[in-house]
Amino acid sequence: TGYRVGYKPAGGISKAKDALVYLSLIKDELGDRWLRPDLFRFGASSLLGDIERQLEHHLTGRYSAAYRHAAG
């Protein structure tokens, strides 16, 4: 039909590693245009906590407990 509908994967994507798998899949199959927020997004409340932990690990070399982050 040529009409684009957005995609929001469901099923508890709460880890940054899982989100990267979806991003790679969408980019490889549908192209960069589909990575924009009007067509593709995550429900990010628990994902945000894991991203915070990953960033802290990148900066300090250590993981912190999930409860130390507001979104975790």
PDB file of N, CA and C in Angstrom:
ATOM      1  N   THR A   1       0.815  -1.200   0.000  1.00  0.00           N
ATOM      2  CA  THR A   1       0.000   0.000   0.000  1.00  0.00           C
ATOM      3  C   THR A   1       0.854   1.256   0.000  1.00  0.00           C
ATOM      4  N   GLY A   2       2.101   1.136   0.418  1.00  0.00           N
ATOM      5  CA  GLY A   2       2.965   2.297   0.504  1.00  0.00           C
ATOM      6  C   GLY A   2       2.782   3.111   1.768  1.00  0.00           C
ATOM      7  N   TYR A   3       1.840   2.712   2.621  1.00  0.00           N
ATOM      8  CA  TYR A   3       1.592   3.433   3.869  1.00  0.00           C
ATOM      9  C   TYR A   3       2.459   2.840   4.968  1.00  0.00           C
ATOM     10  N   ARG A   4       3.260   3.674   5.600  1.00  0.00           N
ATOM     11  CA  ARG A   4       4.150   3.208   6.661  1.00  0.00           C
ATOM     12  C   ARG A   4       3.466   3.296   8.012  1.00  0.00           C
ATOM     13  N   VAL A   5       3.509   2.206   8.730  1.00  0.00           N
ATOM     14  CA  VAL A   5       3.043   2.206  10.114  1.00  0.00           C
ATOM     15  C   VAL A   5       4.254   1.940  10.986  1.00  0.00           C
ATOM     16  N   GLY A   6       4.288   2.541  12.150  1.00  0.00           N
ATOM     17  CA  GLY A   6       5.422   2.367  13.035  1.00  0.00           C
ATOM     18  C   GLY A   6       5.475   0.989  13.656  1.00  0.00           C
ATOM     19  N   TYR A   7       6.620   0.703  14.258  1.00  0.00           N
ATOM     20  CA  TYR A   7       6.841  -0.575  14.916  1.00  0.00           C
ATOM     21  C   TYR A   7       7.382  -0.320  16.311  1.00  0.00           C
ATOM     22  N   LYS A   8       6.748  -0.924  17.303  1.00  0.00           N
ATOM     23  CA  LYS A   8       7.225  -0.856  18.682  1.00  0.00           C
ATOM     24  C   LYS A   8       7.306  -2.286  19.193  1.00  0.00           C
ATOM     25  N   PRO A   9       8.524  -2.852  19.260  1.00  0.00           N
ATOM     26  CA  PRO A   9       8.633  -4.227  19.726  1.00  0.00           C
ATOM     27  C   PRO A   9       8.158  -4.354  21.171  1.00  0.00           C
ATOM     28  N   ALA A  10       7.448  -5.410  21.430  1.00  0.00           N
ATOM     29  CA  ALA A  10       6.927  -5.657  22.773  1.00  0.00           C
ATOM     30  C   ALA A  10       7.626  -6.882  23.348  1.00  0.00           C
ATOM     31  N   GLY A  11       7.364  -7.136  24.586  1.00  0.00           N
ATOM     32  CA  GLY A  11       7.883  -8.355  25.189  1.00  0.00           C
ATOM     33  C   GLY A  11       9.021  -8.135  26.149  1.00  0.00           C
ATOM     34  N   GLY A  12       9.071  -6.988  26.765  1.00  0.00           N
ATOM     35  CA  GLY A  12      10.045  -6.785  27.828  1.00  0.00           C
ATOM     36  C   GLY A  12      11.469  -6.581  27.370  1.00  0.00           C
ATOM     37  N   ILE A  13      11.696  -5.692  26.445  1.00  0.00           N
ATOM     38  CA  ILE A  13      13.064  -5.368  26.043  1.00  0.00           C
ATOM     39  C   ILE A  13      13.635  -4.449  27.112  1.00  0.00           C
ATOM     40  N   SER A  14      14.385  -5.050  28.016  1.00  0.00           N
ATOM     41  CA  SER A  14      14.872  -4.283  29.160  1.00  0.00           C
ATOM     42  C   SER A  14      16.391  -4.210  29.215  1.00  0.00           C
ATOM     43  N   LYS A  15      17.073  -4.824  28.278  1.00  0.00           N
ATOM     44  CA  LYS A  15      18.535  -4.817  28.253  1.00  0.00           C
ATOM     45  C   LYS A  15      19.028  -4.121  26.992  1.00  0.00           C
ATOM     46  N   ALA A  16      20.081  -3.339  27.150  1.00  0.00           N
ATOM     47  CA  ALA A  16      20.653  -2.612  26.017  1.00  0.00           C
ATOM     48  C   ALA A  16      21.074  -3.567  24.906  1.00  0.00           C
ATOM     49  N   LYS A  17      21.603  -4.718  25.273  1.00  0.00           N
ATOM     50  CA  LYS A  17      22.042  -5.700  24.281  1.00  0.00           C
ATOM     51  C   LYS A  17      20.870  -6.161  23.408  1.00  0.00           C
ATOM     52  N   ASP A  18      19.711  -6.392  24.016  1.00  0.00           N
ATOM     53  CA  ASP A  18      18.525  -6.800  23.257  1.00  0.00           C
ATOM     54  C   ASP A  18      18.052  -5.679  22.331  1.00  0.00           C
ATOM     55  N   ALA A  19      18.122  -4.452  22.811  1.00  0.00           N
ATOM     56  CA  ALA A  19      17.714  -3.309  21.990  1.00  0.00           C
ATOM     57  C   ALA A  19      18.609  -3.186  20.760  1.00  0.00           C
ATOM     58  N   LEU A  20      19.903  -3.430  20.927  1.00  0.00           N
ATOM     59  CA  LEU A  20      20.822  -3.361  19.787  1.00  0.00           C
ATOM     60  C   LEU A  20      20.495  -4.410  18.731  1.00  0.00           C
ATOM     61  N   VAL A  21      20.052  -5.581  19.176  1.00  0.00           N
ATOM     62  CA  VAL A  21      19.649  -6.618  18.222  1.00  0.00           C
ATOM     63  C   VAL A  21      18.490  -6.114  17.369  1.00  0.00           C
ATOM     64  N   TYR A  22      17.485  -5.515  18.009  1.00  0.00           N
ATOM     65  CA  TYR A  22      16.342  -4.982  17.262  1.00  0.00           C
ATOM     66  C   TYR A  22      16.763  -3.850  16.332  1.00  0.00           C
ATOM     67  N   LEU A  23      17.616  -2.953  16.807  1.00  0.00           N
ATOM     68  CA  LEU A  23      18.080  -1.854  15.957  1.00  0.00           C
ATOM     69  C   LEU A  23      18.801  -2.381  14.721  1.00  0.00           C
ATOM     70  N   SER A  24      19.660  -3.370  14.909  1.00  0.00           N
ATOM     71  CA  SER A  24      20.384  -3.961  13.776  1.00  0.00           C
ATOM     72  C   SER A  24      19.440  -4.640  12.805  1.00  0.00           C
ATOM     73  N   LEU A  25      18.476  -5.375  13.337  1.00  0.00           N
ATOM     74  CA  LEU A  25      17.511  -6.069  12.491  1.00  0.00           C
ATOM     75  C   LEU A  25      16.702  -5.091  11.640  1.00  0.00           C
ATOM     76  N   ILE A  26      16.186  -4.041  12.276  1.00  0.00           N
ATOM     77  CA  ILE A  26      15.389  -3.051  11.550  1.00  0.00           C
ATOM     78  C   ILE A  26      16.232  -2.355  10.481  1.00  0.00           C
ATOM     79  N   LYS A  27      17.448  -1.967  10.843  1.00  0.00           N
ATOM     80  CA  LYS A  27      18.316  -1.281   9.874  1.00  0.00           C
ATOM     81  C   LYS A  27      18.640  -2.181   8.685  1.00  0.00           C
ATOM     82  N   ASP A  28      18.996  -3.444   8.955  1.00  0.00           N
ATOM     83  CA  ASP A  28      19.360  -4.360   7.874  1.00  0.00           C
ATOM     84  C   ASP A  28      18.183  -4.685   6.964  1.00  0.00           C
ATOM     85  N   GLU A  29      17.006  -4.849   7.548  1.00  0.00           N
ATOM     86  CA  GLU A  29      15.848  -5.275   6.758  1.00  0.00           C
ATOM     87  C   GLU A  29      15.088  -4.117   6.109  1.00  0.00           C
ATOM     88  N   LEU A  30      15.003  -2.978   6.801  1.00  0.00           N
ATOM     89  CA  LEU A  30      14.151  -1.893   6.313  1.00  0.00           C
ATOM     90  C   LEU A  30      14.906  -0.608   5.977  1.00  0.00           C
ATOM     91  N   GLY A  31      16.133  -0.462   6.468  1.00  0.00           N
ATOM     92  CA  GLY A  31      16.925   0.721   6.162  1.00  0.00           C
ATOM     93  C   GLY A  31      16.902   1.768   7.263  1.00  0.00           C
ATOM     94  N   ASP A  32      17.784   2.751   7.111  1.00  0.00           N
ATOM     95  CA  ASP A  32      17.962   3.797   8.124  1.00  0.00           C
ATOM     96  C   ASP A  32      16.693   4.596   8.416  1.00  0.00           C
ATOM     97  N   ARG A  33      15.870   4.811   7.418  1.00  0.00           N
ATOM     98  CA  ARG A  33      14.649   5.612   7.611  1.00  0.00           C
ATOM     99  C   ARG A  33      13.783   5.053   8.735  1.00  0.00           C
ATOM    100  N   TRP A  34      13.785   3.745   8.897  1.00  0.00           N
ATOM    101  CA  TRP A  34      12.937   3.102   9.907  1.00  0.00           C
ATOM    102  C   TRP A  34      13.505   3.203  11.318  1.00  0.00           C
ATOM    103  N   LEU A  35      14.681   3.754  11.480  1.00  0.00           N
ATOM    104  CA  LEU A  35      15.251   3.928  12.818  1.00  0.00           C
ATOM    105  C   LEU A  35      14.820   5.240  13.458  1.00  0.00           C
ATOM    106  N   ARG A  36      14.088   6.044  12.738  1.00  0.00           N
ATOM    107  CA  ARG A  36      13.616   7.327  13.277  1.00  0.00           C
ATOM    108  C   ARG A  36      12.442   7.098  14.223  1.00  0.00           C
ATOM    109  N   PRO A  37      12.291   7.971  15.219  1.00  0.00           N
ATOM    110  CA  PRO A  37      11.272   7.746  16.256  1.00  0.00           C
ATOM    111  C   PRO A  37       9.826   7.778  15.780  1.00  0.00           C
ATOM    112  N   ASP A  38       9.557   8.324  14.608  1.00  0.00           N
ATOM    113  CA  ASP A  38       8.174   8.292  14.128  1.00  0.00           C
ATOM    114  C   ASP A  38       7.784   6.914  13.595  1.00  0.00           C
ATOM    115  N   LEU A  39       8.774   6.053  13.331  1.00  0.00           N
ATOM    116  CA  LEU A  39       8.474   4.716  12.823  1.00  0.00           C
ATOM    117  C   LEU A  39       8.936   3.583  13.741  1.00  0.00           C
ATOM    118  N   PHE A  40       9.858   3.849  14.630  1.00  0.00           N
ATOM    119  CA  PHE A  40      10.395   2.778  15.472  1.00  0.00           C
ATOM    120  C   PHE A  40      10.712   3.323  16.854  1.00  0.00           C
ATOM    121  N   ARG A  41      10.246   2.610  17.882  1.00  0.00           N
ATOM    122  CA  ARG A  41      10.566   3.043  19.244  1.00  0.00           C
ATOM    123  C   ARG A  41      10.455   1.871  20.200  1.00  0.00           C
ATOM    124  N   PHE A  42      11.070   2.048  21.350  1.00  0.00           N
ATOM    125  CA  PHE A  42      10.995   1.078  22.439  1.00  0.00           C
ATOM    126  C   PHE A  42      10.149   1.662  23.551  1.00  0.00           C
ATOM    127  N   GLY A  43       9.502   0.797  24.325  1.00  0.00           N
ATOM    128  CA  GLY A  43       8.969   1.203  25.615  1.00  0.00           C
ATOM    129  C   GLY A  43      10.165   1.191  26.547  1.00  0.00           C
ATOM    130  N   ALA A  44      10.652   2.330  26.937  1.00  0.00           N
ATOM    131  CA  ALA A  44      12.023   2.418  27.441  1.00  0.00           C
ATOM    132  C   ALA A  44      12.189   2.546  28.944  1.00  0.00           C
ATOM    133  N   SER A  45      11.174   2.366  29.749  1.00  0.00           N
ATOM    134  CA  SER A  45      11.354   2.611  31.180  1.00  0.00           C
ATOM    135  C   SER A  45      12.408   1.698  31.794  1.00  0.00           C
ATOM    136  N   SER A  46      12.311   0.393  31.607  1.00  0.00           N
ATOM    137  CA  SER A  46      13.323  -0.491  32.181  1.00  0.00           C
ATOM    138  C   SER A  46      14.589  -0.518  31.335  1.00  0.00           C
ATOM    139  N   LEU A  47      14.463  -0.278  30.047  1.00  0.00           N
ATOM    140  CA  LEU A  47      15.631  -0.215  29.178  1.00  0.00           C
ATOM    141  C   LEU A  47      16.541   0.939  29.582  1.00  0.00           C
ATOM    142  N   LEU A  48      15.961   2.053  29.968  1.00  0.00           N
ATOM    143  CA  LEU A  48      16.753   3.215  30.371  1.00  0.00           C
ATOM    144  C   LEU A  48      17.671   2.885  31.541  1.00  0.00           C
ATOM    145  N   GLY A  49      17.177   2.147  32.508  1.00  0.00           N
ATOM    146  CA  GLY A  49      18.006   1.761  33.649  1.00  0.00           C
ATOM    147  C   GLY A  49      19.223   0.959  33.221  1.00  0.00           C
ATOM    148  N   ASP A  50      19.045   0.029  32.292  1.00  0.00           N
ATOM    149  CA  ASP A  50      20.180  -0.766  31.827  1.00  0.00           C
ATOM    150  C   ASP A  50      21.156   0.087  31.030  1.00  0.00           C
ATOM    151  N   ILE A  51      20.650   1.017  30.233  1.00  0.00           N
ATOM    152  CA  ILE A  51      21.546   1.909  29.489  1.00  0.00           C
ATOM    153  C   ILE A  51      22.371   2.751  30.461  1.00  0.00           C
ATOM    154  N   GLU A  52      21.743   3.228  31.535  1.00  0.00           N
ATOM    155  CA  GLU A  52      22.488   3.977  32.555  1.00  0.00           C
ATOM    156  C   GLU A  52      23.601   3.120  33.144  1.00  0.00           C
ATOM    157  N   ARG A  53      23.302   1.865  33.440  1.00  0.00           N
ATOM    158  CA  ARG A  53      24.313   0.961  33.995  1.00  0.00           C
ATOM    159  C   ARG A  53      25.442   0.723  33.000  1.00  0.00           C
ATOM    160  N   GLN A  54      25.101   0.561  31.719  1.00  0.00           N
ATOM    161  CA  GLN A  54      26.125   0.328  30.700  1.00  0.00           C
ATOM    162  C   GLN A  54      27.037   1.548  30.541  1.00  0.00           C
ATOM    163  N   LEU A  55      26.445   2.739  30.580  1.00  0.00           N
ATOM    164  CA  LEU A  55      27.257   3.957  30.484  1.00  0.00           C
ATOM    165  C   LEU A  55      28.186   4.092  31.682  1.00  0.00           C
ATOM    166  N   GLU A  56      27.671   3.793  32.867  1.00  0.00           N
ATOM    167  CA  GLU A  56      28.525   3.858  34.058  1.00  0.00           C
ATOM    168  C   GLU A  56      29.666   2.851  33.953  1.00  0.00           C
ATOM    169  N   HIS A  57      29.368   1.661  33.464  1.00  0.00           N
ATOM    170  CA  HIS A  57      30.416   0.654  33.288  1.00  0.00           C
ATOM    171  C   HIS A  57      31.464   1.133  32.292  1.00  0.00           C
ATOM    172  N   HIS A  58      31.025   1.762  31.231  1.00  0.00           N
ATOM    173  CA  HIS A  58      31.951   2.287  30.227  1.00  0.00           C
ATOM    174  C   HIS A  58      32.878   3.344  30.833  1.00  0.00           C
ATOM    175  N   LEU A  59      32.334   4.175  31.709  1.00  0.00           N
ATOM    176  CA  LEU A  59      33.128   5.255  32.304  1.00  0.00           C
ATOM    177  C   LEU A  59      34.017   4.795  33.448  1.00  0.00           C
ATOM    178  N   THR A  60      33.523   3.865  34.265  1.00  0.00           N
ATOM    179  CA  THR A  60      34.249   3.497  35.484  1.00  0.00           C
ATOM    180  C   THR A  60      34.857   2.108  35.450  1.00  0.00           C
ATOM    181  N   GLY A  61      34.382   1.270  34.524  1.00  0.00           N
ATOM    182  CA  GLY A  61      34.852  -0.111  34.490  1.00  0.00           C
ATOM    183  C   GLY A  61      34.101  -1.022  35.445  1.00  0.00           C
ATOM    184  N   ARG A  62      33.086  -0.489  36.131  1.00  0.00           N
ATOM    185  CA  ARG A  62      32.306  -1.271  37.099  1.00  0.00           C
ATOM    186  C   ARG A  62      30.823  -1.108  36.807  1.00  0.00           C
ATOM    187  N   TYR A  63      30.074  -2.162  37.089  1.00  0.00           N
ATOM    188  CA  TYR A  63      28.615  -2.081  37.014  1.00  0.00           C
ATOM    189  C   TYR A  63      28.084  -1.685  38.376  1.00  0.00           C
ATOM    190  N   SER A  64      27.060  -0.867  38.391  1.00  0.00           N
ATOM    191  CA  SER A  64      26.408  -0.535  39.654  1.00  0.00           C
ATOM    192  C   SER A  64      25.119  -1.332  39.764  1.00  0.00           C
ATOM    193  N   ALA A  65      24.586  -1.390  40.959  1.00  0.00           N
ATOM    194  CA  ALA A  65      23.317  -2.078  41.184  1.00  0.00           C
ATOM    195  C   ALA A  65      22.193  -1.294  40.516  1.00  0.00           C
ATOM    196  N   ALA A  66      21.206  -2.010  40.008  1.00  0.00           N
ATOM    197  CA  ALA A  66      20.090  -1.369  39.309  1.00  0.00           C
ATOM    198  C   ALA A  66      19.351  -0.377  40.199  1.00  0.00           C
ATOM    199  N   TYR A  67      19.268  -0.657  41.498  1.00  0.00           N
ATOM    200  CA  TYR A  67      18.521   0.240  42.390  1.00  0.00           C
ATOM    201  C   TYR A  67      19.190   1.605  42.537  1.00  0.00           C
ATOM    202  N   ARG A  68      20.432   1.745  42.113  1.00  0.00           N
ATOM    203  CA  ARG A  68      21.126   3.033  42.223  1.00  0.00           C
ATOM    204  C   ARG A  68      20.730   4.014  41.122  1.00  0.00           C
ATOM    205  N   HIS A  69      19.916   3.575  40.182  1.00  0.00           N
ATOM    206  CA  HIS A  69      19.486   4.425  39.076  1.00  0.00           C
ATOM    207  C   HIS A  69      17.987   4.639  39.162  1.00  0.00           C
ATOM    208  N   ALA A  70      17.582   5.852  38.935  1.00  0.00           N
ATOM    209  CA  ALA A  70      16.162   6.198  39.077  1.00  0.00           C
ATOM    210  C   ALA A  70      15.264   5.349  38.192  1.00  0.00           C
ATOM    211  N   ALA A  71      15.711   5.063  36.978  1.00  0.00           N
ATOM    212  CA  ALA A  71      14.879   4.291  36.056  1.00  0.00           C
ATOM    213  C   ALA A  71      14.976   2.792  36.306  1.00  0.00           C
ATOM    214  N   GLY A  72      15.957   2.353  37.075  1.00  0.00           N
ATOM    215  CA  GLY A  72      16.166   0.915  37.285  1.00  0.00           C
ATOM    216  C   GLY A  72      15.257   0.402  38.312  1.00  0.00           C
TER     217      GLY A  72
END
